[in-house]
All heavy atoms as atom14 arrays in JSON, in Angstrom:
{
  "sequence": "AEDWELVTDDDELTVTLRSDLYWHDGEPITAEDVEFTYDFLED",
  "atom14_mask": [
    [1, 1, 1, 1, 1, 0, 0, 0, 0, 0, 0, 0, 0, 0],
    [1, 1, 1, 1, 1, 1, 1, 1, 1, 0, 0, 0, 0, 0],
    [1, 1, 1, 1, 1, 1, 1, 1, 0, 0, 0, 0, 0, 0],
    [1, 1, 1, 1, 1, 1, 1, 1, 1, 1, 1, 1, 1, 1],
    [1, 1, 1, 1, 1, 1, 1, 1, 1, 0, 0, 0, 0, 0],
    [1, 1, 1, 1, 1, 1, 1, 1, 0, 0, 0, 0, 0, 0],
    [1, 1, 1, 1, 1, 1, 1, 0, 0, 0, 0, 0, 0, 0],
    [1, 1, 1, 1, 1, 1, 1, 0, 0, 0, 0, 0, 0, 0],
    [1, 1, 1, 1, 1, 1, 1, 1, 0, 0, 0, 0, 0, 0],
    [1, 1, 1, 1, 1, 1, 1, 1, 0, 0, 0, 0, 0, 0],
    [1, 1, 1, 1, 1, 1, 1, 1, 0, 0, 0, 0, 0, 0],
    [1, 1, 1, 1, 1, 1, 1, 1, 1, 0, 0, 0, 0, 0],
    [1, 1, 1, 1, 1, 1, 1, 1, 0, 0, 0, 0, 0, 0],
    [1, 1, 1, 1, 1, 1, 1, 0, 0, 0, 0, 0, 0, 0],
    [1, 1, 1, 1, 1, 1, 1, 0, 0, 0, 0, 0, 0, 0],
    [1, 1, 1, 1, 1, 1, 1, 0, 0, 0, 0, 0, 0, 0],
    [1, 1, 1, 1, 1, 1, 1, 1, 0, 0, 0, 0, 0, 0],
    [1, 1, 1, 1, 1, 1, 1, 1, 1, 1, 1, 0, 0, 0],
    [1, 1, 1, 1, 1, 1, 0, 0, 0, 0, 0, 0, 0, 0],
    [1, 1, 1, 1, 1, 1, 1, 1, 0, 0, 0, 0, 0, 0],
    [1, 1, 1, 1, 1, 1, 1, 1, 0, 0, 0, 0, 0, 0],
    [1, 1, 1, 1, 1, 1, 1, 1, 1, 1, 1, 1, 0, 0],
    [1, 1, 1, 1, 1, 1, 1, 1, 1, 1, 1, 1, 1, 1],
    [1, 1, 1, 1, 1, 1, 1, 1, 1, 1, 0, 0, 0, 0],
    [1, 1, 1, 1, 1, 1, 1, 1, 0, 0, 0, 0, 0, 0],
    [1, 1, 1, 1, 0, 0, 0, 0, 0, 0, 0, 0, 0, 0],
    [1, 1, 1, 1, 1, 1, 1, 1, 1, 0, 0, 0, 0, 0],
    [1, 1, 1, 1, 1, 1, 1, 0, 0, 0, 0, 0, 0, 0],
    [1, 1, 1, 1, 1, 1, 1, 1, 0, 0, 0, 0, 0, 0],
    [1, 1, 1, 1, 1, 1, 1, 0, 0, 0, 0, 0, 0, 0],
    [1, 1, 1, 1, 1, 0, 0, 0, 0, 0, 0, 0, 0, 0],
    [1, 1, 1, 1, 1, 1, 1, 1, 1, 0, 0, 0, 0, 0],
    [1, 1, 1, 1, 1, 1, 1, 1, 0, 0, 0, 0, 0, 0],
    [1, 1, 1, 1, 1, 1, 1, 0, 0, 0, 0, 0, 0, 0],
    [1, 1, 1, 1, 1, 1, 1, 1, 1, 0, 0, 0, 0, 0],
    [1, 1, 1, 1, 1, 1, 1, 1, 1, 1, 1, 0, 0, 0],
    [1, 1, 1, 1, 1, 1, 1, 0, 0, 0, 0, 0, 0, 0],
    [1, 1, 1, 1, 1, 1, 1, 1, 1, 1, 1, 1, 0, 0],
    [1, 1, 1, 1, 1, 1, 1, 1, 0, 0, 0, 0, 0, 0],
    [1, 1, 1, 1, 1, 1, 1, 1, 1, 1, 1, 0, 0, 0],
    [1, 1, 1, 1, 1, 1, 1, 1, 0, 0, 0, 0, 0, 0],
    [1, 1, 1, 1, 1, 1, 1, 1, 1, 0, 0, 0, 0, 0],
    [1, 1, 1, 1, 1, 1, 1, 1, 0, 0, 0, 0, 0, 0]
  ],
  "atom14_positions": [
    [[-122.41, -44.61, 22.16], [-121.77, -46.03, 21.88], [-121.28, -45.94, 20.51], [-121.86, -45.44, 19.58], [-122.87, -47.1, 22.07], [0.0, 0.0, 0.0], [0.0, 0.0, 0.0], [0.0, 0.0, 0.0], [0.0, 0.0, 0.0], [0.0, 0.0, 0.0], [0.0, 0.0, 0.0], [0.0, 0.0, 0.0], [0.0, 0.0, 0.0], [0.0, 0.0, 0.0]],
    [[-120.1, -46.54, 20.42], [-119.51, -46.85, 19.0], [-120.18, -47.97, 18.36], [-120.55, -47.99, 17.13], [-118.0, -47.02, 19.07], [-117.29, -47.12, 17.79], [-115.76, -47.18, 18.0], [-115.31, -48.39, 18.27], [-115.1, -46.23, 17.95], [0.0, 0.0, 0.0], [0.0, 0.0, 0.0], [0.0, 0.0, 0.0], [0.0, 0.0, 0.0], [0.0, 0.0, 0.0]],
    [[-120.39, -49.01, 19.19], [-121.16, -50.14, 18.64], [-121.55, -51.03, 19.86], [-121.19, -50.81, 20.99], [-120.33, -51.03, 17.59], [-118.97, -51.5, 18.14], [-118.97, -51.82, 19.26], [-117.93, -51.5, 17.35], [0.0, 0.0, 0.0], [0.0, 0.0, 0.0], [0.0, 0.0, 0.0], [0.0, 0.0, 0.0], [0.0, 0.0, 0.0], [0.0, 0.0, 0.0]],
    [[-122.35, -52.14, 19.53], [-122.58, -53.15, 20.59], [-122.75, -54.45, 20.01], [-123.0, -54.55, 18.79], [-123.84, -52.75, 21.39], [-125.13, -52.55, 20.52], [-125.88, -53.63, 20.07], [-125.77, -51.4, 20.26], [-126.95, -52.99, 19.47], [-126.94, -51.7, 19.53], [-125.48, -50.02, 20.46], [-127.82, -50.8, 19.02], [-126.35, -49.13, 20.0], [-127.5, -49.47, 19.26]],
    [[-122.7, -55.55, 20.83], [-122.82, -56.93, 20.42], [-123.7, -57.61, 21.28], [-123.45, -57.53, 22.58], [-121.49, -57.61, 20.23], [-121.64, -59.08, 19.81], [-120.28, -59.83, 19.8], [-119.33, -59.24, 20.3], [-120.27, -60.94, 19.3], [0.0, 0.0, 0.0], [0.0, 0.0, 0.0], [0.0, 0.0, 0.0], [0.0, 0.0, 0.0], [0.0, 0.0, 0.0]],
    [[-124.81, -58.25, 20.8], [-125.73, -58.99, 21.67], [-125.6, -60.48, 21.48], [-125.7, -60.92, 20.32], [-127.2, -58.5, 21.38], [-128.24, -59.34, 22.1], [-128.2, -59.04, 23.58], [-129.67, -58.94, 21.59], [0.0, 0.0, 0.0], [0.0, 0.0, 0.0], [0.0, 0.0, 0.0], [0.0, 0.0, 0.0], [0.0, 0.0, 0.0], [0.0, 0.0, 0.0]],
    [[-125.22, -61.13, 22.55], [-125.19, -62.52, 22.41], [-126.38, -63.13, 23.22], [-126.44, -63.14, 24.5], [-123.91, -63.12, 23.08], [-123.86, -64.63, 23.06], [-122.63, -62.51, 22.43], [0.0, 0.0, 0.0], [0.0, 0.0, 0.0], [0.0, 0.0, 0.0], [0.0, 0.0, 0.0], [0.0, 0.0, 0.0], [0.0, 0.0, 0.0], [0.0, 0.0, 0.0]],
    [[-127.43, -63.49, 22.44], [-128.68, -63.83, 23.11], [-128.69, -65.17, 23.85], [-129.33, -65.28, 24.84], [-129.81, -63.9, 21.92], [-129.38, -64.88, 21.01], [-130.13, -62.68, 21.43], [0.0, 0.0, 0.0], [0.0, 0.0, 0.0], [0.0, 0.0, 0.0], [0.0, 0.0, 0.0], [0.0, 0.0, 0.0], [0.0, 0.0, 0.0], [0.0, 0.0, 0.0]],
    [[-127.73, -66.07, 23.49], [-127.66, -67.29, 24.17], [-127.15, -67.11, 25.56], [-127.61, -67.8, 26.55], [-126.73, -68.25, 23.44], [-127.33, -68.8, 22.18], [-128.57, -68.67, 21.95], [-126.57, -69.32, 21.28], [0.0, 0.0, 0.0], [0.0, 0.0, 0.0], [0.0, 0.0, 0.0], [0.0, 0.0, 0.0], [0.0, 0.0, 0.0], [0.0, 0.0, 0.0]],
    [[-126.35, -66.03, 25.74], [-125.81, -65.78, 27.1], [-126.44, -64.52, 27.74], [-126.07, -64.14, 28.78], [-124.2, -65.48, 27.01], [-123.49, -66.72, 26.46], [-123.88, -67.88, 26.86], [-122.52, -66.46, 25.77], [0.0, 0.0, 0.0], [0.0, 0.0, 0.0], [0.0, 0.0, 0.0], [0.0, 0.0, 0.0], [0.0, 0.0, 0.0], [0.0, 0.0, 0.0]],
    [[-127.44, -64.0, 27.12], [-128.12, -62.81, 27.63], [-127.11, -61.69, 27.92], [-127.19, -60.92, 28.95], [-128.91, -63.17, 28.94], [-130.1, -64.04, 28.5], [-130.61, -63.95, 27.45], [-130.58, -64.72, 29.5], [0.0, 0.0, 0.0], [0.0, 0.0, 0.0], [0.0, 0.0, 0.0], [0.0, 0.0, 0.0], [0.0, 0.0, 0.0], [0.0, 0.0, 0.0]],
    [[-126.06, -61.49, 27.08], [-125.09, -60.49, 27.26], [-125.07, -59.47, 26.06], [-125.16, -59.84, 24.96], [-123.72, -61.12, 27.34], [-123.5, -61.82, 28.74], [-122.04, -62.3, 28.95], [-121.18, -62.17, 27.86], [-121.79, -62.84, 29.96], [0.0, 0.0, 0.0], [0.0, 0.0, 0.0], [0.0, 0.0, 0.0], [0.0, 0.0, 0.0], [0.0, 0.0, 0.0]],
    [[-124.95, -58.2, 26.61], [-124.88, -57.1, 25.7], [-123.58, -56.41, 25.9], [-123.48, -55.72, 26.95], [-126.08, -56.21, 25.76], [-126.24, -54.89, 24.87], [-126.41, -55.37, 23.41], [-127.45, -54.13, 25.3], [0.0, 0.0, 0.0], [0.0, 0.0, 0.0], [0.0, 0.0, 0.0], [0.0, 0.0, 0.0], [0.0, 0.0, 0.0], [0.0, 0.0, 0.0]],
    [[-122.58, -56.4, 24.99], [-121.34, -55.7, 25.18], [-121.39, -54.45, 24.42], [-121.48, -54.38, 23.25], [-120.23, -56.66, 24.72], [-120.32, -57.7, 25.54], [-118.93, -55.92, 25.04], [0.0, 0.0, 0.0], [0.0, 0.0, 0.0], [0.0, 0.0, 0.0], [0.0, 0.0, 0.0], [0.0, 0.0, 0.0], [0.0, 0.0, 0.0], [0.0, 0.0, 0.0]],
    [[-121.17, -53.26, 25.1], [-121.19, -51.95, 24.48], [-119.81, -51.36, 24.59], [-119.13, -51.37, 25.61], [-122.19, -51.05, 25.19], [-122.21, -49.62, 24.57], [-123.52, -51.7, 25.17], [0.0, 0.0, 0.0], [0.0, 0.0, 0.0], [0.0, 0.0, 0.0], [0.0, 0.0, 0.0], [0.0, 0.0, 0.0], [0.0, 0.0, 0.0], [0.0, 0.0, 0.0]],
    [[-119.32, -50.75, 23.42], [-118.09, -50.05, 23.38], [-118.37, -48.56, 23.15], [-119.2, -48.16, 22.27], [-117.22, -50.47, 22.22], [-116.95, -51.82, 22.45], [-115.82, -49.74, 22.2], [0.0, 0.0, 0.0], [0.0, 0.0, 0.0], [0.0, 0.0, 0.0], [0.0, 0.0, 0.0], [0.0, 0.0, 0.0], [0.0, 0.0, 0.0], [0.0, 0.0, 0.0]],
    [[-117.85, -47.72, 23.95], [-118.12, -46.27, 23.93], [-117.21, -45.62, 22.82], [-116.14, -46.11, 22.47], [-117.73, -45.63, 25.2], [-118.63, -45.76, 26.49], [-117.84, -45.29, 27.65], [-119.97, -45.1, 26.25], [0.0, 0.0, 0.0], [0.0, 0.0, 0.0], [0.0, 0.0, 0.0], [0.0, 0.0, 0.0], [0.0, 0.0, 0.0], [0.0, 0.0, 0.0]],
    [[-117.6, -44.55, 22.31], [-116.85, -43.81, 21.34], [-115.61, -43.3, 22.19], [-115.68, -43.06, 23.33], [-117.55, -42.58, 20.73], [-118.83, -43.0, 19.88], [-119.44, -41.82, 19.2], [-120.67, -42.19, 18.61], [-120.77, -42.7, 17.35], [-119.67, -42.89, 16.71], [-121.91, -43.11, 16.83], [0.0, 0.0, 0.0], [0.0, 0.0, 0.0], [0.0, 0.0, 0.0]],
    [[-114.59, -42.94, 21.45], [-113.33, -42.37, 22.01], [-113.58, -40.87, 22.27], [-114.32, -40.18, 21.63], [-112.15, -42.67, 21.23], [-112.24, -42.07, 20.04], [0.0, 0.0, 0.0], [0.0, 0.0, 0.0], [0.0, 0.0, 0.0], [0.0, 0.0, 0.0], [0.0, 0.0, 0.0], [0.0, 0.0, 0.0], [0.0, 0.0, 0.0], [0.0, 0.0, 0.0]],
    [[-112.8, -40.35, 23.24], [-112.74, -38.94, 23.42], [-114.02, -38.32, 23.67], [-114.48, -37.28, 23.06], [-112.03, -38.22, 22.26], [-110.57, -38.73, 22.04], [-109.86, -38.94, 23.05], [-110.18, -38.85, 20.86], [0.0, 0.0, 0.0], [0.0, 0.0, 0.0], [0.0, 0.0, 0.0], [0.0, 0.0, 0.0], [0.0, 0.0, 0.0], [0.0, 0.0, 0.0]],
    [[-114.81, -38.89, 24.61], [-116.08, -38.33, 25.06], [-115.94, -37.66, 26.47], [-115.19, -38.01, 27.29], [-117.18, -39.44, 25.34], [-117.55, -40.15, 24.04], [-118.51, -41.33, 24.48], [-118.25, -39.36, 23.04], [0.0, 0.0, 0.0], [0.0, 0.0, 0.0], [0.0, 0.0, 0.0], [0.0, 0.0, 0.0], [0.0, 0.0, 0.0], [0.0, 0.0, 0.0]],
    [[-116.59, -36.45, 26.48], [-116.49, -35.49, 27.78], [-117.8, -35.15, 28.18], [-118.72, -34.92, 27.43], [-115.64, -34.35, 27.36], [-114.18, -34.74, 26.94], [-113.86, -34.92, 25.61], [-113.09, -34.97, 27.88], [-112.56, -35.3, 25.25], [-111.94, -35.28, 27.55], [-111.62, -35.48, 26.16], [-110.31, -35.92, 25.82], [0.0, 0.0, 0.0], [0.0, 0.0, 0.0]],
    [[-117.8, -34.91, 29.53], [-118.94, -34.19, 30.14], [-118.75, -32.64, 29.96], [-117.55, -32.21, 29.63], [-118.98, -34.46, 31.59], [-119.2, -35.88, 31.92], [-118.3, -36.8, 32.5], [-120.41, -36.72, 31.7], [-118.89, -37.99, 32.56], [-120.17, -38.08, 32.21], [-121.61, -36.35, 31.28], [-121.12, -39.03, 32.15], [-122.68, -37.36, 31.22], [-122.42, -38.72, 31.66]],
    [[-119.81, -31.94, 30.18], [-119.77, -30.5, 29.89], [-118.7, -29.73, 30.78], [-118.26, -28.72, 30.47], [-121.13, -29.85, 30.15], [-122.09, -30.34, 29.09], [-123.46, -30.2, 29.27], [-121.95, -30.75, 27.81], [-124.11, -30.73, 28.26], [-123.17, -31.04, 27.34], [0.0, 0.0, 0.0], [0.0, 0.0, 0.0], [0.0, 0.0, 0.0], [0.0, 0.0, 0.0]],
    [[-118.32, -30.36, 31.89], [-117.38, -29.78, 32.7], [-116.0, -30.19, 32.47], [-115.02, -29.88, 33.28], [-117.65, -30.02, 34.25], [-117.73, -31.49, 34.66], [-117.33, -32.38, 33.74], [-118.09, -31.88, 35.75], [0.0, 0.0, 0.0], [0.0, 0.0, 0.0], [0.0, 0.0, 0.0], [0.0, 0.0, 0.0], [0.0, 0.0, 0.0], [0.0, 0.0, 0.0]],
    [[-115.79, -30.9, 31.33], [-114.44, -31.3, 30.89], [-113.97, -32.6, 31.5], [-112.93, -33.18, 31.0], [0.0, 0.0, 0.0], [0.0, 0.0, 0.0], [0.0, 0.0, 0.0], [0.0, 0.0, 0.0], [0.0, 0.0, 0.0], [0.0, 0.0, 0.0], [0.0, 0.0, 0.0], [0.0, 0.0, 0.0], [0.0, 0.0, 0.0], [0.0, 0.0, 0.0]],
    [[-114.74, -33.28, 32.32], [-114.36, -34.63, 32.87], [-114.57, -35.64, 31.67], [-115.64, -35.61, 30.99], [-115.14, -34.96, 34.1], [-114.68, -34.22, 35.35], [-113.32, -34.49, 35.73], [-113.0, -35.74, 35.81], [-112.62, -33.58, 36.16], [0.0, 0.0, 0.0], [0.0, 0.0, 0.0], [0.0, 0.0, 0.0], [0.0, 0.0, 0.0], [0.0, 0.0, 0.0]],
    [[-113.77, -36.69, 31.65], [-113.98, -37.7, 30.56], [-115.11, -38.62, 30.95], [-115.38, -38.85, 32.13], [-112.66, -38.44, 30.5], [-112.0, -38.25, 31.82], [-112.48, -36.8, 32.35], [0.0, 0.0, 0.0], [0.0, 0.0, 0.0], [0.0, 0.0, 0.0], [0.0, 0.0, 0.0], [0.0, 0.0, 0.0], [0.0, 0.0, 0.0], [0.0, 0.0, 0.0]],
    [[-115.86, -39.09, 29.88], [-116.87, -40.09, 30.1], [-116.25, -41.39, 30.02], [-115.64, -41.8, 29.03], [-118.07, -39.93, 29.11], [-118.61, -38.56, 29.17], [-119.01, -40.95, 29.2], [-119.62, -38.21, 28.03], [0.0, 0.0, 0.0], [0.0, 0.0, 0.0], [0.0, 0.0, 0.0], [0.0, 0.0, 0.0], [0.0, 0.0, 0.0], [0.0, 0.0, 0.0]],
    [[-116.48, -42.34, 31.06], [-115.95, -43.61, 31.01], [-117.0, -44.74, 31.26], [-118.14, -44.38, 31.54], [-114.96, -43.77, 32.19], [-115.56, -43.67, 33.44], [-113.88, -42.61, 32.14], [0.0, 0.0, 0.0], [0.0, 0.0, 0.0], [0.0, 0.0, 0.0], [0.0, 0.0, 0.0], [0.0, 0.0, 0.0], [0.0, 0.0, 0.0], [0.0, 0.0, 0.0]],
    [[-116.57, -45.87, 31.21], [-117.49, -47.05, 31.41], [-118.03, -47.1, 32.87], [-119.12, -47.49, 33.06], [-116.73, -48.37, 31.18], [0.0, 0.0, 0.0], [0.0, 0.0, 0.0], [0.0, 0.0, 0.0], [0.0, 0.0, 0.0], [0.0, 0.0, 0.0], [0.0, 0.0, 0.0], [0.0, 0.0, 0.0], [0.0, 0.0, 0.0], [0.0, 0.0, 0.0]],
    [[-117.32, -46.39, 33.81], [-117.9, -46.35, 35.17], [-119.05, -45.42, 35.16], [-119.99, -45.63, 36.01], [-116.77, -45.81, 36.13], [-115.72, -46.78, 36.44], [-114.83, -46.35, 37.52], [-115.17, -45.27, 38.21], [-113.9, -47.03, 37.96], [0.0, 0.0, 0.0], [0.0, 0.0, 0.0], [0.0, 0.0, 0.0], [0.0, 0.0, 0.0], [0.0, 0.0, 0.0]],
    [[-119.18, -44.43, 34.5], [-120.36, -43.61, 34.28], [-121.55, -44.25, 33.84], [-122.76, -44.15, 34.34], [-120.08, -42.35, 33.46], [-119.12, -41.41, 34.06], [-119.31, -40.91, 35.15], [-117.98, -41.11, 33.37], [0.0, 0.0, 0.0], [0.0, 0.0, 0.0], [0.0, 0.0, 0.0], [0.0, 0.0, 0.0], [0.0, 0.0, 0.0], [0.0, 0.0, 0.0]],
    [[-121.32, -45.31, 32.84], [-122.32, -46.09, 32.31], [-122.87, -47.07, 33.5], [-124.11, -47.13, 33.74], [-121.82, -46.96, 31.08], [-123.0, -47.88, 30.71], [-121.46, -45.99, 29.98], [0.0, 0.0, 0.0], [0.0, 0.0, 0.0], [0.0, 0.0, 0.0], [0.0, 0.0, 0.0], [0.0, 0.0, 0.0], [0.0, 0.0, 0.0], [0.0, 0.0, 0.0]],
    [[-121.95, -47.72, 34.17], [-122.3, -48.56, 35.27], [-123.11, -47.78, 36.33], [-124.16, -48.39, 36.79], [-121.07, -49.2, 35.79], [-121.37, -50.17, 37.02], [-120.1, -50.59, 37.69], [-119.15, -49.73, 37.83], [-120.06, -51.79, 38.1], [0.0, 0.0, 0.0], [0.0, 0.0, 0.0], [0.0, 0.0, 0.0], [0.0, 0.0, 0.0], [0.0, 0.0, 0.0]],
    [[-122.55, -46.65, 36.7], [-123.26, -45.86, 37.58], [-124.59, -45.44, 37.31], [-125.59, -45.5, 38.07], [-122.42, -44.62, 37.92], [-123.16, -43.48, 38.75], [-123.28, -43.68, 40.14], [-123.82, -42.59, 38.11], [-123.93, -42.74, 40.91], [-124.56, -41.5, 38.96], [-124.61, -41.75, 40.35], [0.0, 0.0, 0.0], [0.0, 0.0, 0.0], [0.0, 0.0, 0.0]],
    [[-124.94, -45.07, 36.0], [-126.23, -44.59, 35.52], [-127.26, -45.68, 35.76], [-128.25, -45.46, 36.22], [-126.04, -44.26, 34.02], [-125.22, -43.02, 33.95], [-127.51, -43.84, 33.47], [0.0, 0.0, 0.0], [0.0, 0.0, 0.0], [0.0, 0.0, 0.0], [0.0, 0.0, 0.0], [0.0, 0.0, 0.0], [0.0, 0.0, 0.0], [0.0, 0.0, 0.0]],
    [[-127.03, -46.93, 35.34], [-127.96, -48.06, 35.41], [-128.21, -48.39, 36.9], [-129.34, -48.66, 37.3], [-127.59, -49.24, 34.61], [-127.84, -48.84, 33.01], [-126.86, -48.22, 32.32], [-128.98, -49.28, 32.51], [-127.11, -47.85, 31.01], [-129.28, -49.05, 31.2], [-128.36, -48.26, 30.43], [-128.61, -48.05, 29.05], [0.0, 0.0, 0.0], [0.0, 0.0, 0.0]],
    [[-127.14, -48.43, 37.68], [-127.33, -48.68, 39.06], [-128.18, -47.6, 39.79], [-129.03, -47.93, 40.58], [-125.98, -48.78, 39.88], [-125.26, -50.01, 39.48], [-125.84, -50.99, 38.86], [-124.05, -50.02, 39.75], [0.0, 0.0, 0.0], [0.0, 0.0, 0.0], [0.0, 0.0, 0.0], [0.0, 0.0, 0.0], [0.0, 0.0, 0.0], [0.0, 0.0, 0.0]],
    [[-127.87, -46.28, 39.36], [-128.59, -45.2, 40.1], [-130.06, -45.19, 39.54], [-130.91, -44.81, 40.4], [-127.91, -43.91, 39.52], [-128.15, -42.71, 40.36], [-127.81, -42.68, 41.74], [-128.95, -41.6, 39.88], [-128.07, -41.49, 42.55], [-129.11, -40.53, 40.61], [-128.79, -40.47, 41.95], [0.0, 0.0, 0.0], [0.0, 0.0, 0.0], [0.0, 0.0, 0.0]],
    [[-130.34, -45.45, 38.28], [-131.74, -45.41, 37.95], [-132.55, -46.5, 38.58], [-133.74, -46.3, 38.8], [-131.88, -45.65, 36.35], [-131.3, -44.48, 35.51], [-131.35, -44.86, 34.02], [-131.96, -43.2, 35.7], [0.0, 0.0, 0.0], [0.0, 0.0, 0.0], [0.0, 0.0, 0.0], [0.0, 0.0, 0.0], [0.0, 0.0, 0.0], [0.0, 0.0, 0.0]],
    [[-132.01, -47.59, 38.87], [-132.76, -48.66, 39.59], [-132.91, -48.38, 41.06], [-133.89, -48.66, 41.7], [-131.9, -49.99, 39.53], [-132.62, -51.17, 39.93], [-132.07, -52.46, 39.61], [-130.96, -52.54, 39.0], [-132.62, -53.56, 39.92], [0.0, 0.0, 0.0], [0.0, 0.0, 0.0], [0.0, 0.0, 0.0], [0.0, 0.0, 0.0], [0.0, 0.0, 0.0]],
    [[-131.9, -47.59, 41.73], [-132.0, -47.2, 43.12], [-131.26, -45.95, 43.3], [-130.1, -45.97, 43.32], [-131.58, -48.35, 43.97], [-131.63, -47.94, 45.41], [-132.36, -46.95, 45.84], [-130.89, -48.65, 46.35], [0.0, 0.0, 0.0], [0.0, 0.0, 0.0], [0.0, 0.0, 0.0], [0.0, 0.0, 0.0], [0.0, 0.0, 0.0], [0.0, 0.0, 0.0]]
  ]
}
């Protein structure tokens, strides 16, 4: 993450990824990978 912002009144945490992030196989890391990770860990 490059940074994050927590708004406690709204229970929201907004995270911004660093730019130019890659997986070891060369695919780019995107926000969809983040969403997938948390969904996958839960089920």
